[in-house]
Amino acid sequence: MKEPPLSKASALPSARRPIRAVTYPSRAVFAPPPAPSPLAGGEPRTLPLKGEWYAHWRRFLNRRLTQREREHEKDECGHDRRKVIMPRPYLDATSNFAPQISALRVGEIGTITFTVWNDGNYPAWTCYVEIYEGPGGYTHPLSDYELRGRAIITLHPGEKREVTLPWVRQRKSGRVVGIVYDPLLDPRGFTVVGQYDRHITSVHYQNLE
């Protein structure tokens, strides 16, 4: 059988063959459709008049607050958060340091006593009761005070106890600070030894020989 003759284009070497032009589709094919106008197909929206913006904003805010309250009524397990009370200790302290520290001279070995209790609904298994001595005022950090005594006790819910610690006064003027806390369940939560904190009870003294 005789083979058909080659065409002139195929008979030419590859370097001499004609190059066909490549055509691409126009960009309009891939362009996204135009966004519809917010007023298309409906009546134009009227803006609030002067003085009505606050009322619109308050209604929107009230709706958001209501939604947020409903979202927080249930926890991850479906329980009502308002009825679930987290078990934890709630430690507090009080003292009458003045007659105790005035009865001892500087460098004299003695003891000091103050009262601690647990108002929470869970035991404070590792309740730290500490006594410090340092400068007067309510703006100093705890690092400016020196630890004079420490005891670790357990306070059950509703329990009140008087704790006696060893005490040696080293200053003629300053401040005595008693601290009660549970480092895990009811930590101190402060760095500056201020005046109002349920973990702290203190007294200032001046010119005590």
N, C-alpha and C. Protein backbone atom coordinates (compact mmCIF):
# COMPACT_ATOMS: atom_id res chain seq x y z
N MET A 1 0.85 -1.20 0.00
CA MET A 1 0.00 0.00 0.00
C MET A 1 0.88 1.24 0.00
N LYS A 2 0.54 2.19 -0.80
CA LYS A 2 1.37 3.39 -0.96
C LYS A 2 0.93 4.47 0.03
N GLU A 3 1.92 5.06 0.78
CA GLU A 3 1.59 6.08 1.78
C GLU A 3 1.25 7.39 1.08
N PRO A 4 0.31 8.18 1.69
CA PRO A 4 -0.04 9.48 1.07
C PRO A 4 1.12 10.45 1.19
N PRO A 5 1.25 11.32 0.25
CA PRO A 5 2.37 12.28 0.27
C PRO A 5 2.20 13.29 1.41
N LEU A 6 3.30 13.76 1.99
CA LEU A 6 3.29 14.75 3.05
C LEU A 6 2.96 16.12 2.50
N SER A 7 2.30 16.92 3.35
CA SER A 7 2.01 18.30 2.95
C SER A 7 3.28 19.13 3.02
N LYS A 8 3.19 20.32 2.45
CA LYS A 8 4.37 21.19 2.44
C LYS A 8 4.73 21.64 3.85
N ALA A 9 3.72 21.89 4.70
CA ALA A 9 4.02 22.38 6.05
C ALA A 9 4.70 21.31 6.89
N SER A 10 4.20 20.02 6.73
CA SER A 10 4.80 18.96 7.52
C SER A 10 6.14 18.55 6.98
N ALA A 11 6.38 18.82 5.71
CA ALA A 11 7.67 18.46 5.12
C ALA A 11 8.76 19.41 5.54
N LEU A 12 8.38 20.64 5.99
CA LEU A 12 9.39 21.60 6.42
C LEU A 12 9.97 21.22 7.78
N PRO A 13 11.19 21.57 8.06
CA PRO A 13 11.76 21.36 9.40
C PRO A 13 10.94 22.10 10.47
N SER A 14 11.08 21.64 11.76
CA SER A 14 10.29 22.24 12.85
C SER A 14 10.60 23.71 13.05
N ALA A 15 11.83 24.12 12.77
CA ALA A 15 12.20 25.52 12.95
C ALA A 15 11.53 26.40 11.93
N ARG A 16 11.09 25.84 10.80
CA ARG A 16 10.53 26.65 9.72
C ARG A 16 9.01 26.52 9.67
N ARG A 17 8.39 25.75 10.60
CA ARG A 17 6.95 25.61 10.56
C ARG A 17 6.28 26.90 11.01
N PRO A 18 5.13 27.27 10.45
CA PRO A 18 4.43 28.50 10.87
C PRO A 18 3.85 28.35 12.27
N ILE A 19 3.88 29.44 13.10
CA ILE A 19 3.39 29.46 14.47
C ILE A 19 1.96 29.96 14.47
N ARG A 20 1.09 29.18 15.09
CA ARG A 20 -0.31 29.59 15.16
C ARG A 20 -0.50 30.59 16.32
N ALA A 21 -1.30 31.61 16.12
CA ALA A 21 -1.58 32.62 17.14
C ALA A 21 -2.52 32.04 18.19
N VAL A 22 -2.23 32.36 19.50
CA VAL A 22 -3.05 31.90 20.62
C VAL A 22 -4.02 33.00 21.00
N THR A 23 -5.26 32.65 21.13
CA THR A 23 -6.29 33.63 21.50
C THR A 23 -6.79 33.33 22.91
N TYR A 24 -6.99 34.37 23.70
CA TYR A 24 -7.49 34.26 25.06
C TYR A 24 -8.86 34.94 25.16
N PRO A 25 -9.72 34.45 26.10
CA PRO A 25 -11.03 35.12 26.25
C PRO A 25 -10.85 36.50 26.87
N SER A 26 -11.79 37.36 26.63
CA SER A 26 -11.72 38.72 27.15
C SER A 26 -11.92 38.73 28.66
N ARG A 27 -11.49 39.79 29.29
CA ARG A 27 -11.62 39.92 30.75
C ARG A 27 -13.07 40.02 31.19
N ALA A 28 -13.92 40.43 30.32
CA ALA A 28 -15.32 40.58 30.70
C ALA A 28 -15.95 39.24 31.05
N VAL A 29 -15.38 38.14 30.54
CA VAL A 29 -15.94 36.83 30.85
C VAL A 29 -15.73 36.49 32.33
N PHE A 30 -14.58 36.90 32.90
CA PHE A 30 -14.25 36.58 34.29
C PHE A 30 -14.62 37.69 35.27
N ALA A 31 -15.11 38.81 34.83
CA ALA A 31 -15.45 39.91 35.73
C ALA A 31 -16.67 39.55 36.56
N PRO A 32 -16.68 39.87 37.89
CA PRO A 32 -17.85 39.57 38.72
C PRO A 32 -19.03 40.44 38.33
N PRO A 33 -20.22 39.98 38.58
CA PRO A 33 -21.39 40.81 38.25
C PRO A 33 -21.44 42.04 39.15
N PRO A 34 -21.95 43.13 38.68
CA PRO A 34 -22.02 44.35 39.51
C PRO A 34 -22.92 44.14 40.72
N ALA A 35 -22.52 44.76 41.84
CA ALA A 35 -23.30 44.64 43.08
C ALA A 35 -24.62 45.37 42.93
N PRO A 36 -25.70 44.75 43.41
CA PRO A 36 -26.99 45.44 43.28
C PRO A 36 -27.06 46.65 44.20
N SER A 37 -27.76 47.61 43.81
CA SER A 37 -27.93 48.82 44.60
C SER A 37 -28.78 48.52 45.82
N PRO A 38 -28.43 49.07 47.04
CA PRO A 38 -29.25 48.79 48.23
C PRO A 38 -30.67 49.31 48.13
N LEU A 39 -30.90 50.27 47.21
CA LEU A 39 -32.23 50.83 47.05
C LEU A 39 -32.97 50.26 45.85
N ALA A 40 -32.32 49.33 45.14
CA ALA A 40 -32.96 48.79 43.94
C ALA A 40 -34.10 47.87 44.33
N GLY A 41 -35.21 48.01 43.68
CA GLY A 41 -36.35 47.14 43.91
C GLY A 41 -37.12 47.44 45.17
N GLY A 42 -36.90 48.54 45.83
CA GLY A 42 -37.62 48.88 47.06
C GLY A 42 -37.67 50.38 47.24
N GLU A 43 -38.33 50.75 48.32
CA GLU A 43 -38.45 52.17 48.61
C GLU A 43 -37.18 52.68 49.29
N PRO A 44 -36.79 53.90 49.06
CA PRO A 44 -35.60 54.44 49.74
C PRO A 44 -35.81 54.53 51.24
N ARG A 45 -34.73 54.23 51.99
CA ARG A 45 -34.79 54.25 53.44
C ARG A 45 -34.58 55.66 53.95
N THR A 46 -35.42 56.07 54.87
CA THR A 46 -35.32 57.41 55.43
C THR A 46 -34.43 57.39 56.67
N LEU A 47 -33.54 58.34 56.77
CA LEU A 47 -32.67 58.45 57.93
C LEU A 47 -33.42 59.08 59.10
N PRO A 48 -33.01 58.73 60.35
CA PRO A 48 -33.68 59.34 61.50
C PRO A 48 -33.50 60.85 61.52
N LEU A 49 -34.47 61.53 62.05
CA LEU A 49 -34.40 62.97 62.16
C LEU A 49 -33.47 63.37 63.29
N LYS A 50 -33.21 64.63 63.40
CA LYS A 50 -32.34 65.16 64.44
C LYS A 50 -32.96 64.87 65.81
N GLY A 51 -32.16 64.28 66.71
CA GLY A 51 -32.64 63.92 68.03
C GLY A 51 -33.14 62.49 68.13
N GLU A 52 -33.31 61.78 67.01
CA GLU A 52 -33.79 60.41 67.03
C GLU A 52 -32.65 59.40 67.00
N TRP A 53 -31.41 59.84 66.76
CA TRP A 53 -30.30 58.90 66.70
C TRP A 53 -30.10 58.19 68.05
N TYR A 54 -30.25 58.94 69.15
CA TYR A 54 -30.04 58.35 70.47
C TYR A 54 -31.06 57.25 70.75
N ALA A 55 -32.31 57.47 70.36
CA ALA A 55 -33.34 56.46 70.58
C ALA A 55 -33.05 55.20 69.77
N HIS A 56 -32.62 55.38 68.51
CA HIS A 56 -32.28 54.22 67.70
C HIS A 56 -31.09 53.48 68.30
N TRP A 57 -30.10 54.20 68.77
CA TRP A 57 -28.90 53.57 69.34
C TRP A 57 -29.24 52.82 70.62
N ARG A 58 -30.12 53.40 71.47
CA ARG A 58 -30.50 52.75 72.71
C ARG A 58 -31.27 51.46 72.44
N ARG A 59 -32.15 51.45 71.45
CA ARG A 59 -32.90 50.24 71.12
C ARG A 59 -31.96 49.14 70.63
N PHE A 60 -30.99 49.52 69.80
CA PHE A 60 -30.03 48.53 69.32
C PHE A 60 -29.19 47.99 70.47
N LEU A 61 -28.75 48.87 71.37
CA LEU A 61 -27.92 48.43 72.49
C LEU A 61 -28.71 47.52 73.44
N ASN A 62 -29.96 47.84 73.68
CA ASN A 62 -30.78 47.00 74.55
C ASN A 62 -30.99 45.61 73.96
N ARG A 63 -31.18 45.54 72.63
CA ARG A 63 -31.31 44.23 72.00
C ARG A 63 -30.04 43.41 72.17
N ARG A 64 -28.88 44.05 72.00
CA ARG A 64 -27.62 43.33 72.14
C ARG A 64 -27.40 42.87 73.57
N LEU A 65 -27.76 43.71 74.56
CA LEU A 65 -27.60 43.32 75.95
C LEU A 65 -28.52 42.16 76.31
N THR A 66 -29.73 42.17 75.78
CA THR A 66 -30.65 41.06 76.04
C THR A 66 -30.12 39.77 75.44
N GLN A 67 -29.60 39.83 74.21
CA GLN A 67 -29.03 38.64 73.59
C GLN A 67 -27.84 38.12 74.39
N ARG A 68 -27.01 39.04 74.88
CA ARG A 68 -25.83 38.62 75.63
C ARG A 68 -26.22 37.95 76.95
N GLU A 69 -27.25 38.48 77.63
CA GLU A 69 -27.70 37.86 78.87
C GLU A 69 -28.24 36.46 78.61
N ARG A 70 -28.95 36.28 77.52
CA ARG A 70 -29.47 34.96 77.21
C ARG A 70 -28.36 33.98 76.89
N GLU A 71 -27.31 34.48 76.22
CA GLU A 71 -26.18 33.60 75.89
C GLU A 71 -25.43 33.17 77.15
N HIS A 72 -25.39 34.04 78.16
CA HIS A 72 -24.63 33.73 79.38
C HIS A 72 -25.47 33.07 80.46
N GLU A 73 -26.75 32.84 80.20
CA GLU A 73 -27.57 32.17 81.20
C GLU A 73 -27.19 30.70 81.34
N LYS A 74 -26.70 30.08 80.28
CA LYS A 74 -26.35 28.67 80.29
C LYS A 74 -24.84 28.52 80.08
N ASP A 75 -24.26 27.55 80.78
CA ASP A 75 -22.85 27.27 80.57
C ASP A 75 -22.69 26.19 79.52
N GLU A 76 -21.44 25.67 79.38
CA GLU A 76 -21.18 24.68 78.35
C GLU A 76 -21.94 23.38 78.57
N CYS A 77 -22.31 23.09 79.81
CA CYS A 77 -23.04 21.86 80.13
C CYS A 77 -24.55 22.05 80.14
N GLY A 78 -25.01 23.27 79.83
CA GLY A 78 -26.44 23.52 79.82
C GLY A 78 -27.01 23.91 81.17
N HIS A 79 -26.17 24.16 82.19
CA HIS A 79 -26.65 24.55 83.51
C HIS A 79 -26.85 26.05 83.58
N ASP A 80 -27.77 26.44 84.42
CA ASP A 80 -28.05 27.85 84.62
C ASP A 80 -26.91 28.47 85.42
N ARG A 81 -26.22 29.44 84.82
CA ARG A 81 -25.07 30.04 85.50
C ARG A 81 -25.49 30.81 86.75
N ARG A 82 -26.70 31.36 86.78
CA ARG A 82 -27.12 32.16 87.92
C ARG A 82 -27.39 31.31 89.14
N LYS A 83 -27.60 30.00 88.98
CA LYS A 83 -27.90 29.12 90.10
C LYS A 83 -26.71 28.27 90.52
N VAL A 84 -25.64 28.29 89.72
CA VAL A 84 -24.46 27.50 90.03
C VAL A 84 -23.45 28.38 90.76
N ILE A 85 -23.12 28.06 92.00
CA ILE A 85 -22.17 28.82 92.80
C ILE A 85 -20.86 28.05 92.85
N MET A 86 -19.80 28.70 92.41
CA MET A 86 -18.50 28.06 92.39
C MET A 86 -18.00 27.84 93.82
N PRO A 87 -17.68 26.60 94.20
CA PRO A 87 -17.16 26.36 95.56
C PRO A 87 -15.77 26.96 95.72
N ARG A 88 -15.59 27.79 96.73
CA ARG A 88 -14.30 28.41 96.99
C ARG A 88 -14.29 28.98 98.40
N PRO A 89 -13.13 29.08 99.02
CA PRO A 89 -13.03 29.76 100.32
C PRO A 89 -13.03 31.28 100.13
N TYR A 90 -13.40 31.98 101.19
CA TYR A 90 -13.41 33.44 101.19
C TYR A 90 -12.85 33.88 102.53
N LEU A 91 -11.54 34.17 102.53
CA LEU A 91 -10.81 34.39 103.77
C LEU A 91 -10.83 35.86 104.18
N ASP A 92 -10.82 36.06 105.49
CA ASP A 92 -10.83 37.42 106.04
C ASP A 92 -10.04 37.41 107.35
N ALA A 93 -9.68 38.61 107.82
CA ALA A 93 -8.86 38.71 109.03
C ALA A 93 -9.18 39.99 109.78
N THR A 94 -8.97 39.96 111.09
CA THR A 94 -9.08 41.14 111.93
C THR A 94 -8.07 41.00 113.07
N SER A 95 -7.77 42.12 113.75
CA SER A 95 -6.72 42.06 114.77
C SER A 95 -6.89 43.20 115.76
N ASN A 96 -6.13 43.08 116.84
CA ASN A 96 -5.97 44.14 117.83
C ASN A 96 -4.49 44.16 118.20
N PHE A 97 -3.69 44.64 117.26
CA PHE A 97 -2.23 44.57 117.39
C PHE A 97 -1.67 45.57 118.39
N ALA A 98 -2.34 46.70 118.60
CA ALA A 98 -1.73 47.81 119.36
C ALA A 98 -1.26 47.40 120.75
N PRO A 99 -2.11 46.82 121.60
CA PRO A 99 -1.60 46.47 122.94
C PRO A 99 -0.56 45.36 122.92
N GLN A 100 -0.56 44.53 121.90
CA GLN A 100 0.41 43.43 121.85
C GLN A 100 1.80 43.92 121.51
N ILE A 101 1.90 44.84 120.51
CA ILE A 101 3.24 45.30 120.12
C ILE A 101 3.79 46.34 121.09
N SER A 102 2.91 47.07 121.75
CA SER A 102 3.40 48.08 122.72
C SER A 102 3.92 47.43 123.99
N ALA A 103 3.55 46.18 124.27
CA ALA A 103 4.02 45.49 125.47
C ALA A 103 5.42 44.93 125.31
N LEU A 104 5.94 44.92 124.07
CA LEU A 104 7.27 44.36 123.82
C LEU A 104 8.22 45.46 123.38
N ARG A 105 9.47 45.36 123.82
CA ARG A 105 10.49 46.31 123.39
C ARG A 105 11.15 45.83 122.12
N VAL A 106 11.95 46.72 121.53
CA VAL A 106 12.66 46.37 120.30
C VAL A 106 13.64 45.23 120.59
N GLY A 107 13.56 44.18 119.82
CA GLY A 107 14.44 43.03 119.97
C GLY A 107 13.96 42.02 120.99
N GLU A 108 12.87 42.28 121.69
CA GLU A 108 12.37 41.35 122.69
C GLU A 108 11.52 40.27 122.03
N ILE A 109 11.76 39.01 122.39
CA ILE A 109 11.05 37.88 121.79
C ILE A 109 9.67 37.76 122.43
N GLY A 110 8.65 37.61 121.59
CA GLY A 110 7.29 37.45 122.08
C GLY A 110 6.40 36.80 121.03
N THR A 111 5.12 36.96 121.17
CA THR A 111 4.14 36.41 120.23
C THR A 111 3.12 37.49 119.89
N ILE A 112 2.41 37.26 118.79
CA ILE A 112 1.36 38.16 118.35
C ILE A 112 0.22 37.32 117.83
N THR A 113 -1.02 37.75 118.08
CA THR A 113 -2.21 36.96 117.76
C THR A 113 -3.20 37.80 116.97
N PHE A 114 -3.79 37.20 115.95
CA PHE A 114 -4.91 37.84 115.26
C PHE A 114 -5.88 36.76 114.77
N THR A 115 -7.08 37.18 114.39
CA THR A 115 -8.19 36.29 114.09
C THR A 115 -8.39 36.18 112.59
N VAL A 116 -8.58 34.95 112.12
CA VAL A 116 -8.86 34.69 110.71
C VAL A 116 -10.10 33.81 110.63
N TRP A 117 -10.83 33.90 109.53
CA TRP A 117 -12.02 33.06 109.34
C TRP A 117 -12.30 32.86 107.85
N ASN A 118 -13.18 31.91 107.57
CA ASN A 118 -13.52 31.53 106.19
C ASN A 118 -15.02 31.74 105.99
N ASP A 119 -15.37 32.73 105.18
CA ASP A 119 -16.77 33.02 104.86
C ASP A 119 -17.22 32.33 103.58
N GLY A 120 -16.38 31.50 102.99
CA GLY A 120 -16.74 30.83 101.74
C GLY A 120 -17.54 29.56 101.97
N ASN A 121 -17.70 28.81 100.88
CA ASN A 121 -18.45 27.55 100.93
C ASN A 121 -17.56 26.34 100.64
N TYR A 122 -16.24 26.53 100.81
CA TYR A 122 -15.29 25.44 100.54
C TYR A 122 -14.10 25.61 101.47
N PRO A 123 -13.50 24.51 101.93
CA PRO A 123 -12.36 24.64 102.87
C PRO A 123 -11.13 25.26 102.21
N ALA A 124 -10.39 26.02 102.99
CA ALA A 124 -9.07 26.51 102.59
C ALA A 124 -8.05 25.52 103.15
N TRP A 125 -7.68 24.55 102.31
CA TRP A 125 -6.84 23.46 102.80
C TRP A 125 -5.44 23.94 103.19
N THR A 126 -4.88 24.84 102.41
CA THR A 126 -3.54 25.38 102.71
C THR A 126 -3.67 26.88 102.95
N CYS A 127 -4.14 27.23 104.12
CA CYS A 127 -4.37 28.63 104.47
C CYS A 127 -3.10 29.19 105.12
N TYR A 128 -2.47 30.17 104.47
CA TYR A 128 -1.26 30.80 104.98
C TYR A 128 -1.65 31.98 105.87
N VAL A 129 -1.13 31.98 107.09
CA VAL A 129 -1.31 33.09 108.03
C VAL A 129 0.07 33.65 108.31
N GLU A 130 0.29 34.91 107.95
CA GLU A 130 1.63 35.51 108.02
C GLU A 130 1.57 36.84 108.74
N ILE A 131 2.68 37.20 109.37
CA ILE A 131 2.82 38.48 110.04
C ILE A 131 4.08 39.18 109.50
N TYR A 132 3.94 40.46 109.14
CA TYR A 132 5.04 41.23 108.56
C TYR A 132 5.24 42.50 109.37
N GLU A 133 6.44 43.05 109.22
CA GLU A 133 6.77 44.35 109.80
C GLU A 133 7.50 45.17 108.76
N GLY A 134 7.11 46.46 108.64
CA GLY A 134 7.73 47.29 107.62
C GLY A 134 7.40 48.75 107.79
N PRO A 135 7.61 49.53 106.74
CA PRO A 135 7.38 50.98 106.84
C PRO A 135 5.90 51.31 106.94
N GLY A 136 5.61 52.49 107.47
CA GLY A 136 4.24 52.96 107.56
C GLY A 136 3.72 53.44 106.22
N GLY A 137 2.41 53.65 106.17
CA GLY A 137 1.78 54.09 104.93
C GLY A 137 1.11 52.93 104.20
N TYR A 138 0.43 53.29 103.10
CA TYR A 138 -0.33 52.30 102.34
C TYR A 138 0.11 52.21 100.88
N THR A 139 1.32 52.66 100.59
CA THR A 139 1.78 52.67 99.19
C THR A 139 3.00 51.79 98.95
N HIS A 140 3.43 51.04 99.96
CA HIS A 140 4.64 50.23 99.82
C HIS A 140 4.29 48.83 99.32
N PRO A 141 5.12 48.24 98.46
CA PRO A 141 4.89 46.86 98.04
C PRO A 141 5.22 45.88 99.16
N LEU A 142 4.74 44.67 99.01
CA LEU A 142 4.99 43.66 100.05
C LEU A 142 6.46 43.33 100.18
N SER A 143 7.25 43.54 99.12
CA SER A 143 8.68 43.26 99.20
C SER A 143 9.41 44.20 100.15
N ASP A 144 8.80 45.35 100.53
CA ASP A 144 9.43 46.26 101.49
C ASP A 144 9.24 45.81 102.93
N TYR A 145 8.41 44.78 103.15
CA TYR A 145 8.14 44.30 104.50
C TYR A 145 8.92 43.01 104.76
N GLU A 146 9.23 42.81 106.04
CA GLU A 146 9.98 41.62 106.45
C GLU A 146 9.05 40.63 107.13
N LEU A 147 9.16 39.38 106.73
CA LEU A 147 8.33 38.33 107.32
C LEU A 147 8.83 38.01 108.72
N ARG A 148 7.91 38.07 109.70
CA ARG A 148 8.26 37.79 111.09
C ARG A 148 7.75 36.42 111.56
N GLY A 149 6.67 35.93 110.97
CA GLY A 149 6.14 34.63 111.39
C GLY A 149 5.14 34.11 110.37
N ARG A 150 4.98 32.78 110.34
CA ARG A 150 4.07 32.15 109.38
C ARG A 150 3.54 30.85 109.95
N ALA A 151 2.27 30.57 109.65
CA ALA A 151 1.64 29.30 110.01
C ALA A 151 0.75 28.87 108.84
N ILE A 152 0.66 27.56 108.63
CA ILE A 152 -0.19 27.00 107.59
C ILE A 152 -1.24 26.14 108.27
N ILE A 153 -2.50 26.53 108.09
CA ILE A 153 -3.60 25.84 108.76
C ILE A 153 -4.67 25.49 107.73
N THR A 154 -5.72 24.82 108.18
CA THR A 154 -6.89 24.51 107.35
C THR A 154 -8.11 25.17 107.99
N LEU A 155 -8.83 25.97 107.18
CA LEU A 155 -10.03 26.65 107.65
C LEU A 155 -11.23 26.11 106.86
N HIS A 156 -12.17 25.53 107.57
CA HIS A 156 -13.39 25.03 106.95
C HIS A 156 -14.42 26.15 106.82
N PRO A 157 -15.43 25.97 105.98
CA PRO A 157 -16.44 27.02 105.80
C PRO A 157 -17.10 27.41 107.13
N GLY A 158 -17.13 28.70 107.42
CA GLY A 158 -17.71 29.21 108.65
C GLY A 158 -16.81 29.12 109.86
N GLU A 159 -15.62 28.60 109.72
CA GLU A 159 -14.71 28.44 110.87
C GLU A 159 -13.94 29.72 111.13
N LYS A 160 -13.80 30.08 112.41
CA LYS A 160 -13.01 31.24 112.85
C LYS A 160 -11.98 30.75 113.85
N ARG A 161 -10.76 31.28 113.71
CA ARG A 161 -9.69 30.80 114.57
C ARG A 161 -8.73 31.95 114.90
N GLU A 162 -8.22 31.93 116.13
CA GLU A 162 -7.17 32.85 116.54
C GLU A 162 -5.81 32.16 116.35
N VAL A 163 -4.94 32.81 115.63
CA VAL A 163 -3.63 32.24 115.31
C VAL A 163 -2.57 33.06 116.02
N THR A 164 -1.68 32.38 116.73
CA THR A 164 -0.58 33.02 117.45
C THR A 164 0.73 32.70 116.74
N LEU A 165 1.49 33.74 116.44
CA LEU A 165 2.75 33.60 115.71
C LEU A 165 3.89 34.20 116.53
N PRO A 166 5.10 33.71 116.32
CA PRO A 166 6.26 34.32 116.98
C PRO A 166 6.50 35.73 116.46
N TRP A 167 6.98 36.60 117.35
CA TRP A 167 7.09 38.01 117.00
C TRP A 167 8.28 38.64 117.71
N VAL A 168 9.11 39.33 116.90
CA VAL A 168 10.22 40.13 117.43
C VAL A 168 10.18 41.47 116.72
N ARG A 169 9.85 42.52 117.45
CA ARG A 169 9.78 43.85 116.82
C ARG A 169 11.18 44.41 116.63
N GLN A 170 11.47 44.89 115.42
CA GLN A 170 12.79 45.41 115.09
C GLN A 170 12.78 46.92 114.81
N ARG A 171 11.62 47.56 114.83
CA ARG A 171 11.51 48.98 114.51
C ARG A 171 10.89 49.75 115.68
N LYS A 172 11.23 51.03 115.76
CA LYS A 172 10.59 51.92 116.72
C LYS A 172 9.32 52.53 116.14
N SER A 173 9.28 52.68 114.82
CA SER A 173 8.10 53.21 114.13
C SER A 173 7.90 52.42 112.85
N GLY A 174 6.65 52.15 112.51
CA GLY A 174 6.38 51.39 111.29
C GLY A 174 4.96 50.89 111.26
N ARG A 175 4.81 49.73 110.69
CA ARG A 175 3.48 49.13 110.50
C ARG A 175 3.57 47.62 110.64
N VAL A 176 2.64 47.04 111.38
CA VAL A 176 2.52 45.59 111.51
C VAL A 176 1.37 45.14 110.62
N VAL A 177 1.62 44.13 109.79
CA VAL A 177 0.64 43.66 108.81
C VAL A 177 0.43 42.16 108.98
N GLY A 178 -0.81 41.77 109.17
CA GLY A 178 -1.19 40.36 109.16
C GLY A 178 -1.91 40.02 107.87
N ILE A 179 -1.55 38.90 107.26
CA ILE A 179 -2.11 38.51 105.97
C ILE A 179 -2.59 37.06 106.06
N VAL A 180 -3.76 36.79 105.48
CA VAL A 180 -4.29 35.43 105.39
C VAL A 180 -4.70 35.19 103.94
N TYR A 181 -4.36 34.03 103.39
CA TYR A 181 -4.69 33.71 102.01
C TYR A 181 -4.47 32.22 101.77
N ASP A 182 -5.07 31.73 100.72
CA ASP A 182 -4.82 30.39 100.20
C ASP A 182 -4.20 30.56 98.82
N PRO A 183 -2.95 30.15 98.61
CA PRO A 183 -2.28 30.47 97.34
C PRO A 183 -2.96 29.89 96.11
N LEU A 184 -3.76 28.84 96.27
CA LEU A 184 -4.41 28.22 95.12
C LEU A 184 -5.88 28.61 95.00
N LEU A 185 -6.63 28.57 96.10
CA LEU A 185 -8.08 28.76 96.04
C LEU A 185 -8.51 30.19 96.35
N ASP A 186 -7.72 30.93 97.11
CA ASP A 186 -8.04 32.33 97.43
C ASP A 186 -6.74 33.11 97.56
N PRO A 187 -6.06 33.39 96.45
CA PRO A 187 -4.75 34.05 96.52
C PRO A 187 -4.86 35.50 96.97
N ARG A 188 -3.69 36.08 97.29
CA ARG A 188 -3.67 37.45 97.80
C ARG A 188 -4.23 38.43 96.78
N GLY A 189 -3.71 38.38 95.56
CA GLY A 189 -4.22 39.25 94.50
C GLY A 189 -3.80 40.69 94.62
N PHE A 190 -2.76 41.01 95.38
CA PHE A 190 -2.30 42.40 95.50
C PHE A 190 -0.79 42.40 95.55
N THR A 191 -0.20 43.52 95.15
CA THR A 191 1.24 43.74 95.25
C THR A 191 1.56 44.87 96.21
N VAL A 192 0.69 45.87 96.29
CA VAL A 192 0.86 46.97 97.23
C VAL A 192 0.02 46.68 98.47
N VAL A 193 0.63 46.81 99.64
CA VAL A 193 -0.06 46.54 100.89
C VAL A 193 -0.91 47.76 101.23
N GLY A 194 -2.12 47.78 100.72
CA GLY A 194 -2.99 48.94 100.90
C GLY A 194 -3.73 48.90 102.22
N GLN A 195 -4.77 49.73 102.28
CA GLN A 195 -5.54 49.87 103.53
C GLN A 195 -6.77 48.98 103.53
N TYR A 196 -7.45 48.88 102.37
CA TYR A 196 -8.70 48.15 102.32
C TYR A 196 -8.52 46.87 101.50
N ASP A 197 -8.38 45.77 102.18
CA ASP A 197 -8.29 44.45 101.55
C ASP A 197 -8.65 43.42 102.61
N ARG A 198 -9.56 42.52 102.27
CA ARG A 198 -10.02 41.55 103.26
C ARG A 198 -8.92 40.59 103.69
N HIS A 199 -7.86 40.43 102.90
CA HIS A 199 -6.76 39.55 103.28
C HIS A 199 -5.81 40.20 104.28
N ILE A 200 -5.96 41.51 104.53
CA ILE A 200 -4.97 42.27 105.31
C ILE A 200 -5.62 42.82 106.56
N THR A 201 -4.89 42.76 107.67
CA THR A 201 -5.21 43.51 108.88
C THR A 201 -3.91 44.12 109.40
N SER A 202 -3.94 45.38 109.82
CA SER A 202 -2.68 46.05 110.15
C SER A 202 -2.91 47.16 111.16
N VAL A 203 -1.78 47.67 111.69
CA VAL A 203 -1.80 48.80 112.60
C VAL A 203 -0.46 49.53 112.48
N HIS A 204 -0.50 50.87 112.63
CA HIS A 204 0.71 51.68 112.63
C HIS A 204 1.14 51.96 114.09
N TYR A 205 2.43 52.14 114.27
CA TYR A 205 2.96 52.50 115.57
C TYR A 205 4.12 53.48 115.39
N GLN A 206 4.30 54.37 116.36
CA GLN A 206 5.33 55.39 116.28
C GLN A 206 6.02 55.54 117.64
N ASN A 207 7.34 55.69 117.57
CA ASN A 207 8.17 56.01 118.74
C ASN A 207 7.95 55.04 119.90
N LEU A 208 7.96 53.78 119.60
CA LEU A 208 7.86 52.76 120.64
C LEU A 208 9.28 52.30 120.98
N GLU A 209 9.68 52.47 122.23
CA GLU A 209 11.04 52.08 122.65
C GLU A 209 11.08 50.59 122.94
